[in-house]
C-alpha atoms as a PDB file:
ATOM      1  CA  MET A   1      86.701 102.752 125.334  1.00  0.00           C
ATOM      2  CA  ILE A   2      87.475  99.670 123.760  1.00  0.00           C
ATOM      3  CA  PRO A   3      84.646  97.088 124.124  1.00  0.00           C
ATOM      4  CA  ARG A   4      85.627  94.107 126.524  1.00  0.00           C
ATOM      5  CA  GLU A   5      84.742  91.355 123.645  1.00  0.00           C
ATOM      6  CA  TRP A   6      87.605  92.478 121.563  1.00  0.00           C
ATOM      7  CA  SER A   7      89.889  90.735 123.714  1.00  0.00           C
ATOM      8  CA  VAL A   8      92.591  93.432 123.652  1.00  0.00           C
ATOM      9  CA  GLU A   9      95.865  92.091 125.508  1.00  0.00           C
ATOM     10  CA  LEU A  10      96.398  94.539 128.501  1.00  0.00           C
ATOM     11  CA  HIS A  11     100.261  93.475 128.364  1.00  0.00           C
ATOM     12  CA  TYR A  12     102.923  94.114 125.711  1.00  0.00           C
ATOM     13  CA  GLY A  13     103.380  91.102 123.808  1.00  0.00           C
ATOM     14  CA  ILE A  14     103.725  90.352 120.093  1.00  0.00           C
ATOM     15  CA  HIS A  15     100.194  91.033 118.911  1.00  0.00           C
ATOM     16  CA  GLN A  16     100.642  94.570 120.500  1.00  0.00           C
ATOM     17  CA  HIS A  17     103.916  94.997 119.105  1.00  0.00           C
ATOM     18  CA  GLN A  18     102.470  93.990 115.521  1.00  0.00           C
ATOM     19  CA  HIS A  19      99.563  96.288 116.151  1.00  0.00           C
ATOM     20  CA  ARG A  20     101.660  99.344 117.064  1.00  0.00           C
ATOM     21  CA  PHE A  21     104.204  98.925 113.962  1.00  0.00           C
ATOM     22  CA  ALA A  22     101.114  98.315 111.570  1.00  0.00           C
ATOM     23  CA  ALA A  23      99.431 101.336 112.842  1.00  0.00           C
ATOM     24  CA  TRP A  24     102.301 103.514 112.347  1.00  0.00           C
ATOM     25  CA  ALA A  25     103.309 102.111 109.347  1.00  0.00           C
ATOM     26  CA  ALA A  26      99.610 102.822 107.664  1.00  0.00           C
ATOM     27  CA  ALA A  27      99.123 106.085 109.368  1.00  0.00           C
ATOM     28  CA  ARG A  28     102.424 107.415 107.958  1.00  0.00           C
ATOM     29  CA  ALA A  29     101.508 105.902 104.330  1.00  0.00           C
ATOM     30  CA  ALA A  30      98.069 107.455 104.311  1.00  0.00           C
ATOM     31  CA  SER A  31      98.795 110.843 105.681  1.00  0.00           C
ATOM     32  CA  THR A  32      99.004 113.228 102.592  1.00  0.00           C
ATOM     33  CA  THR A  33     100.496 116.805 102.173  1.00  0.00           C
ATOM     34  CA  ASN A  34      96.898 118.105 101.931  1.00  0.00           C
ATOM     35  CA  ARG A  35      95.411 115.921 104.575  1.00  0.00           C
ATOM     36  CA  ARG A  36      97.995 115.097 107.396  1.00  0.00           C
ATOM     37  CA  PHE A  37      97.188 113.659 110.712  1.00  0.00           C
ATOM     38  CA  ALA A  38      99.373 112.179 113.475  1.00  0.00           C
ATOM     39  CA  VAL A  39     100.169 108.904 113.925  1.00  0.00           C
ATOM     40  CA  SER A  40      98.410 108.593 117.126  1.00  0.00           C
ATOM     41  CA  VAL A  41      95.094 110.035 115.489  1.00  0.00           C
ATOM     42  CA  GLY A  42      95.349 107.073 112.709  1.00  0.00           C
ATOM     43  CA  GLU A  43      96.244 104.504 115.111  1.00  0.00           C
ATOM     44  CA  SER A  44      92.790 105.616 117.094  1.00  0.00           C
ATOM     45  CA  TRP A  45      90.905 105.713 114.119  1.00  0.00           C
ATOM     46  CA  LEU A  46      91.816 102.029 113.357  1.00  0.00           C
ATOM     47  CA  VAL A  47      91.385 100.762 116.858  1.00  0.00           C
ATOM     48  CA  ALA A  48      87.711 102.535 116.785  1.00  0.00           C
ATOM     49  CA  VAL A  49      86.798 100.427 113.769  1.00  0.00           C
ATOM     50  CA  GLY A  50      87.945  97.462 115.426  1.00  0.00           C
ATOM     51  CA  LEU A  51      91.556  96.950 113.996  1.00  0.00           C
ATOM     52  CA  HIS A  52      93.271  96.411 117.248  1.00  0.00           C
ATOM     53  CA  ALA A  53      95.760  94.133 118.865  1.00  0.00           C
ATOM     54  CA  GLY A  54      93.316  91.196 119.756  1.00  0.00           C
ATOM     55  CA  LEU A  55      92.525  91.045 116.071  1.00  0.00           C
ATOM     56  CA  GLN A  56      93.605  87.928 114.263  1.00  0.00           C
ATOM     57  CA  ILE A  57      93.874  87.174 110.585  1.00  0.00           C
ATOM     58  CA  GLU A  58      91.373  84.537 110.858  1.00  0.00           C
ATOM     59  CA  GLN A  59      88.545  86.876 111.719  1.00  0.00           C
ATOM     60  CA  LEU A  60      88.952  88.486 108.347  1.00  0.00           C
ATOM     61  CA  PRO A  61      86.667  87.443 105.353  1.00  0.00           C
ATOM     62  CA  GLU A  62      88.161  84.754 103.426  1.00  0.00           C
ATOM     63  CA  THR A  63      86.689  85.236  99.874  1.00  0.00           C
ATOM     64  CA  ALA A  64      87.128  88.270  97.448  1.00  0.00           C
ATOM     65  CA  GLU A  65      83.434  89.023  97.625  1.00  0.00           C
ATOM     66  CA  ALA A  66      83.138  89.158 101.131  1.00  0.00           C
ATOM     67  CA  PHE A  67      86.333  90.990 101.838  1.00  0.00           C
ATOM     68  CA  ASP A  68      85.308  93.882  99.375  1.00  0.00           C
ATOM     69  CA  VAL A  69      82.128  94.227 101.301  1.00  0.00           C
ATOM     70  CA  TRP A  70      83.655  94.299 104.452  1.00  0.00           C
ATOM     71  CA  HIS A  71      86.667  96.639 103.124  1.00  0.00           C
ATOM     72  CA  ARG A  72      83.727  98.837 101.948  1.00  0.00           C
ATOM     73  CA  ASN A  73      82.017  99.000 105.147  1.00  0.00           C
ATOM     74  CA  LEU A  74      85.294  99.593 107.173  1.00  0.00           C
ATOM     75  CA  ARG A  75      86.283 102.534 104.884  1.00  0.00           C
ATOM     76  CA  GLY A  76      82.886 104.034 105.691  1.00  0.00           C
ATOM     77  CA  ALA A  77      83.203 103.636 109.370  1.00  0.00           C
ATOM     78  CA  LEU A  78      87.071 105.178 109.307  1.00  0.00           C
ATOM     79  CA  ILE A  79      85.707 108.139 107.497  1.00  0.00           C
ATOM     80  CA  ARG A  80      82.836 108.583 110.064  1.00  0.00           C
ATOM     81  CA  ALA A  81      85.661 107.796 112.869  1.00  0.00           C
ATOM     82  CA  SER A  82      87.739 110.714 111.343  1.00  0.00           C
ATOM     83  CA  ASP A  83      84.721 112.958 111.233  1.00  0.00           C
ATOM     84  CA  GLY A  84      85.075 112.958 107.420  1.00  0.00           C
ATOM     85  CA  ALA A  85      88.799 114.045 107.418  1.00  0.00           C
ATOM     86  CA  LEU A  86      89.610 111.076 105.628  1.00  0.00           C
ATOM     87  CA  SER A  87      88.742 110.450 101.858  1.00  0.00           C
ATOM     88  CA  HIS A  88      87.803 106.911 100.585  1.00  0.00           C
ATOM     89  CA  GLY A  89      91.253 106.688  98.999  1.00  0.00           C
ATOM     90  CA  GLN A  90      92.929 107.628 102.269  1.00  0.00           C
ATOM     91  CA  ALA A  91      90.733 105.229 104.501  1.00  0.00           C
ATOM     92  CA  ALA A  92      91.736 102.390 101.843  1.00  0.00           C
ATOM     93  CA  LYS A  93      95.375 103.229 102.027  1.00  0.00           C
ATOM     94  CA  LEU A  94      95.272 103.282 106.251  1.00  0.00           C
ATOM     95  CA  LEU A  95      93.310 100.041 106.301  1.00  0.00           C
ATOM     96  CA  ASN A  96      95.423  98.381 103.438  1.00  0.00           C
ATOM     97  CA  CYS A  97      98.834  99.334 104.941  1.00  0.00           C
ATOM     98  CA  TYR A  98      97.635  98.289 108.134  1.00  0.00           C
ATOM     99  CA  LEU A  99      96.598  95.011 107.021  1.00  0.00           C
ATOM    100  CA  LYS A 100      99.791  94.601 105.079  1.00  0.00           C
ATOM    101  CA  ALA A 101     102.143  95.226 107.919  1.00  0.00           C
ATOM    102  CA  ARG A 102     100.074  93.332 110.380  1.00  0.00           C
ATOM    103  CA  PHE A 103      99.324  90.132 108.522  1.00  0.00           C
ATOM    104  CA  ILE A 104     100.174  89.851 104.844  1.00  0.00           C
ATOM    105  CA  THR A 105     103.987  90.236 105.185  1.00  0.00           C
ATOM    106  CA  SER A 106     103.894  87.555 108.130  1.00  0.00           C
ATOM    107  CA  PHE A 107     103.662  83.984 108.086  1.00  0.00           C
ATOM    108  CA  SER A 108      99.986  84.441 107.495  1.00  0.00           C
ATOM    109  CA  THR A 109     100.383  84.672 103.393  1.00  0.00           C
ATOM    110  CA  GLY A 110      98.953  81.229 102.944  1.00  0.00           C
ATOM    111  CA  LEU A 111      95.780  81.838 104.723  1.00  0.00           C
ATOM    112  CA  PRO A 112      92.493  82.827 102.614  1.00  0.00           C
ATOM    113  CA  ALA A 113      92.440  86.372 103.806  1.00  0.00           C
ATOM    114  CA  ALA A 114      95.863  86.983 102.995  1.00  0.00           C
ATOM    115  CA  SER A 115      95.085  86.096  99.293  1.00  0.00           C
ATOM    116  CA  VAL A 116      92.120  88.379  98.914  1.00  0.00           C
ATOM    117  CA  ALA A 117      92.904  91.380 101.042  1.00  0.00           C
ATOM    118  CA  HIS A 118      93.531  94.694  99.282  1.00  0.00           C
ATOM    119  CA  PRO A 119      97.263  95.831  98.520  1.00  0.00           C
ATOM    120  CA  PRO A 120      98.026  99.648  99.143  1.00  0.00           C
ATOM    121  CA  ILE A 121      97.405 101.435  95.897  1.00  0.00           C
ATOM    122  CA  ASP A 122      99.186 104.708  94.830  1.00  0.00           C
ATOM    123  CA  ARG A 123     100.415 106.525  91.768  1.00  0.00           C
ATOM    124  CA  LEU A 124     103.764 104.445  91.396  1.00  0.00           C
ATOM    125  CA  LEU A 125     101.775 100.853  91.328  1.00  0.00           C
ATOM    126  CA  LEU A 126      99.306 102.303  88.698  1.00  0.00           C
ATOM    127  CA  SER A 127     102.038 103.688  86.501  1.00  0.00           C
ATOM    128  CA  LYS A 128     104.272 100.597  86.510  1.00  0.00           C
ATOM    129  CA  ILE A 129     101.069  98.336  85.676  1.00  0.00           C
ATOM    130  CA  LEU A 130     100.438 100.937  82.808  1.00  0.00           C
ATOM    131  CA  GLU A 131     104.041 100.591  81.637  1.00  0.00           C
ATOM    132  CA  ALA A 132     103.983  97.003  81.761  1.00  0.00           C
ATOM    133  CA  GLY A 133     101.274  97.040  78.978  1.00  0.00           C
ATOM    134  CA  ILE A 134      99.135  94.211  80.615  1.00  0.00           C
ATOM    135  CA  LEU A 135      95.858  95.884  80.470  1.00  0.00           C
ATOM    136  CA  GLU A 136      93.529  95.967  77.394  1.00  0.00           C
ATOM    137  CA  PHE A 137      92.576  99.762  76.198  1.00  0.00           C
ATOM    138  CA  ASP A 138      89.299 100.345  78.193  1.00  0.00           C
ATOM    139  CA  ARG A 139      90.967  98.937  81.535  1.00  0.00           C
ATOM    140  CA  ALA A 140      94.291 100.971  80.737  1.00  0.00           C
ATOM    141  CA  ARG A 141      92.402 104.167  80.115  1.00  0.00           C
ATOM    142  CA  ALA A 142      90.523 103.682  83.325  1.00  0.00           C
ATOM    143  CA  ILE A 143      93.532 103.212  85.262  1.00  0.00           C
ATOM    144  CA  ARG A 144      95.028 106.480  83.697  1.00  0.00           C
ATOM    145  CA  LYS A 145      92.151 108.560  84.659  1.00  0.00           C
ATOM    146  CA  LEU A 146      92.305 107.143  88.329  1.00  0.00           C
ATOM    147  CA  ARG A 147      96.090 107.665  88.463  1.00  0.00           C
ATOM    148  CA  GLU A 148      95.425 111.546  87.449  1.00  0.00           C
ATOM    149  CA  ALA A 149      92.702 111.669  90.044  1.00  0.00           C
ATOM    150  CA  ALA A 150      95.178 110.587  92.878  1.00  0.00           C
ATOM    151  CA  TRP A 151      94.572 107.745  94.974  1.00  0.00           C
ATOM    152  CA  SER A 152      94.116 110.026  98.078  1.00  0.00           C
ATOM    153  CA  ASN A 153      91.086 111.834  96.632  1.00  0.00           C
ATOM    154  CA  TRP A 154      89.279 108.876  95.264  1.00  0.00           C
ATOM    155  CA  ASN A 155      85.410 108.122  96.299  1.00  0.00           C
ATOM    156  CA  SER A 156      84.395 104.828  96.777  1.00  0.00           C
ATOM    157  CA  ASP A 157      83.571 104.219  93.499  1.00  0.00           C
ATOM    158  CA  GLU A 158      86.901 105.157  92.346  1.00  0.00           C
ATOM    159  CA  TYR A 159      88.603 102.909  94.517  1.00  0.00           C
ATOM    160  CA  GLU A 160      86.223  99.853  93.800  1.00  0.00           C
ATOM    161  CA  GLU A 161      86.872 100.397  89.995  1.00  0.00           C
ATOM    162  CA  ALA A 162      90.865 100.226  90.626  1.00  0.00           C
ATOM    163  CA  ILE A 163      90.218  97.157  92.829  1.00  0.00           C
ATOM    164  CA  HIS A 164      88.255  95.501  90.184  1.00  0.00           C
ATOM    165  CA  ILE A 165      90.758  96.177  87.262  1.00  0.00           C
ATOM    166  CA  LEU A 166      93.629  95.321  89.454  1.00  0.00           C
ATOM    167  CA  ARG A 167      92.139  91.863  90.585  1.00  0.00           C
ATOM    168  CA  SER A 168      91.656  90.947  86.831  1.00  0.00           C
ATOM    169  CA  ILE A 169      95.682  91.158  86.133  1.00  0.00           C
ATOM    170  CA  ASN A 170      96.680  88.179  87.957  1.00  0.00           C
ATOM    171  CA  PRO A 171      93.107  86.269  88.952  1.00  0.00           C
ATOM    172  CA  ASP A 172      94.781  82.981  90.006  1.00  0.00           C
ATOM    173  CA  GLU A 173      97.230  84.593  92.261  1.00  0.00           C
ATOM    174  CA  PRO A 174      97.143  85.809  95.608  1.00  0.00           C
ATOM    175  CA  PHE A 175      96.224  89.736  95.395  1.00  0.00           C
ATOM    176  CA  TRP A 176      99.186  90.995  97.223  1.00  0.00           C
ATOM    177  CA  MET A 177     101.185  89.533  94.408  1.00  0.00           C
ATOM    178  CA  ILE A 178     100.134  92.716  92.080  1.00  0.00           C
ATOM    179  CA  GLU A 179     102.828  94.643  94.433  1.00  0.00           C
ATOM    180  CA  GLN A 180     105.193  92.979  92.264  1.00  0.00           C
ATOM    181  CA  TYR A 181     104.706  96.059  90.116  1.00  0.00           C
ATOM    182  CA  TRP A 182     104.973  98.512  93.211  1.00  0.00           C
ATOM    183  CA  PRO A 183     108.688 100.172  92.704  1.00  0.00           C
ATOM    184  CA  GLY A 184     108.151 102.149  95.706  1.00  0.00           C
ATOM    185  CA  TYR A 185     110.314  99.744  97.811  1.00  0.00           C
ATOM    186  CA  LYS A 186     113.426 101.136  95.966  1.00  0.00           C
END
């Protein structure tokens, strides 16, 4: 049951429409060969942790530090909501794709939360960043190791290491701009 204080729309409007699309996109992106789940299941996990049609981007943390703590807590909540079916990497992908589809690719990109929200991370993004040669040796080695471990198998520390390294690439730009290296749109 969804708590009344979440102000979930009971009619079908733009917020419900955005939520449904974002939940579908996120569940499809986070479901992997070894850990598959239905879109409806992914959406139920998102709603269980507070990502619902009534949520607005202004309710999200606005600094990188606060966002990272919120994200860590939400990943844990998603893993608990899934009864351990999700890894931290999958929980992160579910969360990041939801936020991207729901808020980041819309008119909200100028808001503080949109600038600090985590991008979806996968092997393609990490590979292109390595190919670009923009990381010094130790960080490149760490990204290679993370790439080989596969995002869907990452634990919390591995995910946070990836975020820390990726944030360092263009620290003065909105974090979503790291996706300039993502070739998956082709």
